Amino acid sequence: MALVTGASKGIGASVGRRLAHDGFDVAVHYNPDERGAKETAVRKAGRNAVLVHADLAEPDGARRGVDDERSAPFFSGNHQTLGRPSVAVAFDPDPGPRN
């Protein structure tokens, strides 16, 4: 299973679809573009996918994403859905200004 952050659009979505094409189930991370994440998940080359909503720019955003009810099927301890990630791709589709 592959976890791809920023997978709701652009390069992140392309990476998620490519990993699915290569045989991976994919956890599609998004914030805030749920619609784009759903499109990525639907266009996943016949593999399983789950949506993961989290604001990773916030200090505890990953924890809140784990607790988010929209991510619950993956993170509720029921990992039989896709299993634990063996691949993680961290992609920031909008890094914004750097200080």
N, C-alpha and C. Protein backbone atom coordinates (compact mmCIF):
# COMPACT_ATOMS: atom_id res chain seq x y z
N MET A 1 0.84 -1.16 0.00
CA MET A 1 0.00 0.00 0.00
C MET A 1 0.89 1.23 0.00
N ALA A 2 0.46 2.24 -0.73
CA ALA A 2 1.22 3.49 -0.83
C ALA A 2 0.39 4.62 -0.25
N LEU A 3 1.03 5.47 0.54
CA LEU A 3 0.41 6.69 1.07
C LEU A 3 1.01 7.85 0.30
N VAL A 4 0.15 8.65 -0.34
CA VAL A 4 0.61 9.79 -1.13
C VAL A 4 -0.02 11.06 -0.57
N THR A 5 0.82 11.96 -0.06
CA THR A 5 0.30 13.24 0.43
C THR A 5 0.13 14.19 -0.75
N GLY A 6 -0.82 15.12 -0.62
CA GLY A 6 -1.07 16.08 -1.68
C GLY A 6 -1.54 15.42 -2.96
N ALA A 7 -2.33 14.35 -2.82
CA ALA A 7 -2.69 13.54 -3.98
C ALA A 7 -4.02 13.92 -4.61
N SER A 8 -4.55 15.09 -4.27
CA SER A 8 -5.86 15.46 -4.82
C SER A 8 -5.76 16.15 -6.17
N LYS A 9 -4.55 16.55 -6.57
CA LYS A 9 -4.42 17.25 -7.86
C LYS A 9 -2.98 17.21 -8.35
N GLY A 10 -2.81 17.57 -9.59
CA GLY A 10 -1.49 17.75 -10.17
C GLY A 10 -0.58 16.54 -10.07
N ILE A 11 0.68 16.81 -9.74
CA ILE A 11 1.69 15.75 -9.70
C ILE A 11 1.34 14.70 -8.66
N GLY A 12 0.84 15.12 -7.50
CA GLY A 12 0.48 14.16 -6.45
C GLY A 12 -0.59 13.17 -6.93
N ALA A 13 -1.59 13.68 -7.65
CA ALA A 13 -2.63 12.81 -8.19
C ALA A 13 -2.05 11.87 -9.24
N SER A 14 -1.16 12.38 -10.07
CA SER A 14 -0.52 11.54 -11.09
C SER A 14 0.32 10.44 -10.45
N VAL A 15 1.04 10.78 -9.38
CA VAL A 15 1.83 9.78 -8.67
C VAL A 15 0.92 8.71 -8.08
N GLY A 16 -0.19 9.12 -7.46
CA GLY A 16 -1.13 8.16 -6.89
C GLY A 16 -1.70 7.22 -7.94
N ARG A 17 -2.07 7.78 -9.09
CA ARG A 17 -2.61 6.94 -10.17
C ARG A 17 -1.54 6.00 -10.72
N ARG A 18 -0.31 6.49 -10.83
CA ARG A 18 0.77 5.64 -11.35
C ARG A 18 1.07 4.48 -10.39
N LEU A 19 1.08 4.78 -9.09
CA LEU A 19 1.31 3.72 -8.12
C LEU A 19 0.20 2.67 -8.19
N ALA A 20 -1.04 3.11 -8.37
CA ALA A 20 -2.16 2.18 -8.53
C ALA A 20 -1.95 1.34 -9.80
N HIS A 21 -1.55 2.00 -10.87
CA HIS A 21 -1.28 1.30 -12.13
C HIS A 21 -0.19 0.24 -11.94
N ASP A 22 0.77 0.54 -11.08
CA ASP A 22 1.88 -0.38 -10.82
C ASP A 22 1.52 -1.45 -9.79
N GLY A 23 0.25 -1.46 -9.33
CA GLY A 23 -0.22 -2.54 -8.47
C GLY A 23 -0.40 -2.21 -7.00
N PHE A 24 -0.21 -0.96 -6.61
CA PHE A 24 -0.38 -0.57 -5.22
C PHE A 24 -1.82 -0.17 -4.93
N ASP A 25 -2.31 -0.52 -3.74
CA ASP A 25 -3.48 0.15 -3.19
C ASP A 25 -2.98 1.50 -2.70
N VAL A 26 -3.83 2.53 -2.71
CA VAL A 26 -3.35 3.88 -2.45
C VAL A 26 -4.19 4.60 -1.40
N ALA A 27 -3.52 5.18 -0.41
CA ALA A 27 -4.16 6.12 0.53
C ALA A 27 -3.93 7.51 -0.05
N VAL A 28 -5.02 8.18 -0.41
CA VAL A 28 -4.98 9.47 -1.09
C VAL A 28 -5.18 10.57 -0.06
N HIS A 29 -4.10 11.27 0.30
CA HIS A 29 -4.20 12.39 1.25
C HIS A 29 -4.65 13.64 0.52
N TYR A 30 -5.46 14.44 1.21
CA TYR A 30 -5.89 15.72 0.64
C TYR A 30 -6.15 16.74 1.73
N ASN A 31 -6.07 17.99 1.37
CA ASN A 31 -6.52 19.13 2.17
C ASN A 31 -6.42 20.36 1.29
N PRO A 32 -7.48 21.02 0.97
CA PRO A 32 -8.87 20.79 1.33
C PRO A 32 -9.67 20.17 0.21
N ASP A 33 -9.04 19.74 -0.87
CA ASP A 33 -9.75 19.36 -2.10
C ASP A 33 -10.28 17.93 -2.07
N GLU A 34 -11.38 17.72 -1.34
CA GLU A 34 -11.96 16.38 -1.23
C GLU A 34 -12.44 15.88 -2.59
N ARG A 35 -13.01 16.77 -3.38
CA ARG A 35 -13.51 16.37 -4.70
C ARG A 35 -12.38 15.84 -5.58
N GLY A 36 -11.25 16.57 -5.59
CA GLY A 36 -10.10 16.11 -6.37
C GLY A 36 -9.56 14.79 -5.86
N ALA A 37 -9.55 14.62 -4.53
CA ALA A 37 -9.08 13.35 -3.95
C ALA A 37 -9.98 12.20 -4.36
N LYS A 38 -11.29 12.46 -4.38
CA LYS A 38 -12.22 11.41 -4.81
C LYS A 38 -12.00 11.05 -6.26
N GLU A 39 -11.71 12.05 -7.11
CA GLU A 39 -11.43 11.77 -8.52
C GLU A 39 -10.17 10.93 -8.65
N THR A 40 -9.13 11.26 -7.86
CA THR A 40 -7.90 10.47 -7.88
C THR A 40 -8.20 9.04 -7.46
N ALA A 41 -9.00 8.87 -6.41
CA ALA A 41 -9.33 7.54 -5.89
C ALA A 41 -10.13 6.74 -6.91
N VAL A 42 -11.06 7.40 -7.60
CA VAL A 42 -11.90 6.71 -8.57
C VAL A 42 -11.08 6.28 -9.78
N ARG A 43 -10.10 7.09 -10.17
CA ARG A 43 -9.30 6.80 -11.36
C ARG A 43 -8.02 6.08 -10.97
N LYS A 44 -8.13 5.00 -10.25
CA LYS A 44 -6.98 4.34 -9.64
C LYS A 44 -6.61 3.00 -10.27
N ALA A 45 -7.01 2.76 -11.48
CA ALA A 45 -6.61 1.57 -12.23
C ALA A 45 -7.04 0.26 -11.58
N GLY A 46 -8.23 0.24 -11.01
CA GLY A 46 -8.77 -0.99 -10.46
C GLY A 46 -8.21 -1.42 -9.12
N ARG A 47 -7.44 -0.59 -8.46
CA ARG A 47 -6.89 -0.91 -7.14
C ARG A 47 -7.79 -0.30 -6.07
N ASN A 48 -7.58 -0.70 -4.81
CA ASN A 48 -8.32 -0.13 -3.69
C ASN A 48 -7.72 1.23 -3.33
N ALA A 49 -8.57 2.12 -2.83
CA ALA A 49 -8.11 3.44 -2.40
C ALA A 49 -8.91 3.88 -1.20
N VAL A 50 -8.29 4.72 -0.39
CA VAL A 50 -8.96 5.33 0.75
C VAL A 50 -8.54 6.79 0.79
N LEU A 51 -9.47 7.66 1.20
CA LEU A 51 -9.18 9.09 1.33
C LEU A 51 -8.68 9.39 2.73
N VAL A 52 -7.68 10.26 2.83
CA VAL A 52 -7.14 10.67 4.13
C VAL A 52 -7.13 12.19 4.16
N HIS A 53 -7.97 12.78 5.02
CA HIS A 53 -8.04 14.23 5.14
C HIS A 53 -7.18 14.69 6.31
N ALA A 54 -6.24 15.61 6.05
CA ALA A 54 -5.40 16.15 7.12
C ALA A 54 -4.76 17.45 6.64
N ASP A 55 -4.66 18.43 7.56
CA ASP A 55 -3.93 19.67 7.29
C ASP A 55 -2.52 19.48 7.86
N LEU A 56 -1.59 19.08 7.02
CA LEU A 56 -0.24 18.76 7.47
C LEU A 56 0.60 20.00 7.75
N ALA A 57 0.06 21.20 7.46
CA ALA A 57 0.77 22.42 7.79
C ALA A 57 0.62 22.78 9.27
N GLU A 58 -0.36 22.20 9.92
CA GLU A 58 -0.59 22.43 11.35
C GLU A 58 0.27 21.48 12.17
N PRO A 59 0.77 21.94 13.34
CA PRO A 59 1.65 21.09 14.14
C PRO A 59 1.07 19.71 14.48
N ASP A 60 -0.21 19.65 14.78
CA ASP A 60 -0.80 18.34 15.08
C ASP A 60 -1.80 17.91 14.00
N GLY A 61 -1.59 18.41 12.79
CA GLY A 61 -2.49 18.12 11.69
C GLY A 61 -2.55 16.64 11.33
N ALA A 62 -1.40 15.98 11.37
CA ALA A 62 -1.40 14.54 11.05
C ALA A 62 -2.23 13.77 12.07
N ARG A 63 -2.10 14.12 13.35
CA ARG A 63 -2.88 13.44 14.40
C ARG A 63 -4.37 13.69 14.18
N ARG A 64 -4.74 14.94 13.89
CA ARG A 64 -6.14 15.23 13.64
C ARG A 64 -6.64 14.50 12.40
N GLY A 65 -5.77 14.35 11.40
CA GLY A 65 -6.14 13.60 10.21
C GLY A 65 -6.42 12.15 10.52
N VAL A 66 -5.63 11.59 11.41
CA VAL A 66 -5.84 10.21 11.84
C VAL A 66 -7.18 10.08 12.55
N ASP A 67 -7.53 11.10 13.35
CA ASP A 67 -8.78 11.07 14.11
C ASP A 67 -9.99 11.51 13.29
N ASP A 68 -9.77 12.12 12.13
CA ASP A 68 -10.86 12.64 11.30
C ASP A 68 -11.77 11.48 10.88
N GLU A 69 -13.07 11.66 11.02
CA GLU A 69 -14.01 10.59 10.68
C GLU A 69 -13.92 10.18 9.22
N ARG A 70 -13.50 11.11 8.34
CA ARG A 70 -13.37 10.76 6.93
C ARG A 70 -12.20 9.81 6.69
N SER A 71 -11.21 9.82 7.60
CA SER A 71 -10.06 8.93 7.49
C SER A 71 -10.24 7.66 8.30
N ALA A 72 -11.30 7.57 9.08
CA ALA A 72 -11.49 6.48 10.03
C ALA A 72 -11.38 5.08 9.42
N PRO A 73 -11.89 4.83 8.22
CA PRO A 73 -11.79 3.46 7.72
C PRO A 73 -10.34 2.96 7.62
N PHE A 74 -9.40 3.88 7.42
CA PHE A 74 -8.00 3.49 7.31
C PHE A 74 -7.30 3.46 8.67
N PHE A 75 -7.56 4.46 9.50
CA PHE A 75 -6.79 4.64 10.71
C PHE A 75 -7.45 4.13 11.99
N SER A 76 -8.60 3.49 11.89
CA SER A 76 -9.32 3.08 13.10
C SER A 76 -8.74 1.84 13.75
N GLY A 77 -7.62 1.36 13.26
CA GLY A 77 -7.06 0.13 13.77
C GLY A 77 -7.47 -1.05 12.91
N ASN A 78 -8.35 -0.82 11.95
CA ASN A 78 -8.80 -1.86 11.04
C ASN A 78 -7.98 -1.77 9.76
N HIS A 79 -6.71 -2.10 9.84
CA HIS A 79 -5.81 -1.95 8.70
C HIS A 79 -6.00 -3.02 7.64
N GLN A 80 -6.95 -3.95 7.86
CA GLN A 80 -7.20 -4.96 6.85
C GLN A 80 -7.69 -4.31 5.55
N THR A 81 -8.21 -3.09 5.63
CA THR A 81 -8.72 -2.42 4.45
C THR A 81 -7.63 -2.36 3.37
N LEU A 82 -6.49 -1.78 3.69
CA LEU A 82 -5.40 -1.67 2.72
C LEU A 82 -4.07 -2.19 3.26
N GLY A 83 -3.96 -2.37 4.54
CA GLY A 83 -2.68 -2.74 5.14
C GLY A 83 -1.87 -1.51 5.49
N ARG A 84 -0.73 -1.74 6.04
CA ARG A 84 0.16 -0.63 6.41
C ARG A 84 0.95 -0.17 5.19
N PRO A 85 1.28 1.13 5.14
CA PRO A 85 2.03 1.63 3.98
C PRO A 85 3.41 0.97 3.85
N SER A 86 3.75 0.58 2.65
CA SER A 86 5.11 0.14 2.36
C SER A 86 5.84 1.20 1.55
N VAL A 87 5.08 2.16 1.01
CA VAL A 87 5.62 3.28 0.26
C VAL A 87 4.93 4.55 0.73
N ALA A 88 5.72 5.60 0.95
CA ALA A 88 5.15 6.91 1.29
C ALA A 88 5.78 7.95 0.37
N VAL A 89 4.91 8.76 -0.25
CA VAL A 89 5.37 9.83 -1.13
C VAL A 89 4.83 11.13 -0.55
N ALA A 90 5.74 12.00 -0.10
CA ALA A 90 5.35 13.28 0.49
C ALA A 90 5.45 14.34 -0.59
N PHE A 91 4.31 14.88 -0.95
CA PHE A 91 4.25 15.89 -2.00
C PHE A 91 3.43 17.06 -1.50
N ASP A 92 3.93 18.27 -1.66
CA ASP A 92 3.23 19.49 -1.25
C ASP A 92 2.83 20.24 -2.51
N PRO A 93 1.54 20.17 -2.90
CA PRO A 93 1.12 20.80 -4.15
C PRO A 93 1.13 22.32 -4.09
N ASP A 94 1.15 22.91 -2.91
CA ASP A 94 1.14 24.37 -2.79
C ASP A 94 1.99 24.78 -1.60
N PRO A 95 3.32 24.77 -1.75
CA PRO A 95 4.17 25.04 -0.62
C PRO A 95 4.08 26.46 -0.08
N GLY A 96 3.57 27.40 -0.87
CA GLY A 96 3.45 28.77 -0.41
C GLY A 96 4.80 29.44 -0.24
N PRO A 97 4.81 30.67 0.24
CA PRO A 97 6.07 31.40 0.38
C PRO A 97 6.94 30.80 1.49
N ARG A 98 8.21 30.81 1.27
CA ARG A 98 9.17 30.33 2.27
C ARG A 98 9.77 31.54 2.98
N ASN A 99 9.92 31.39 4.28
CA ASN A 99 10.53 32.48 5.08
C ASN A 99 12.02 32.37 5.08
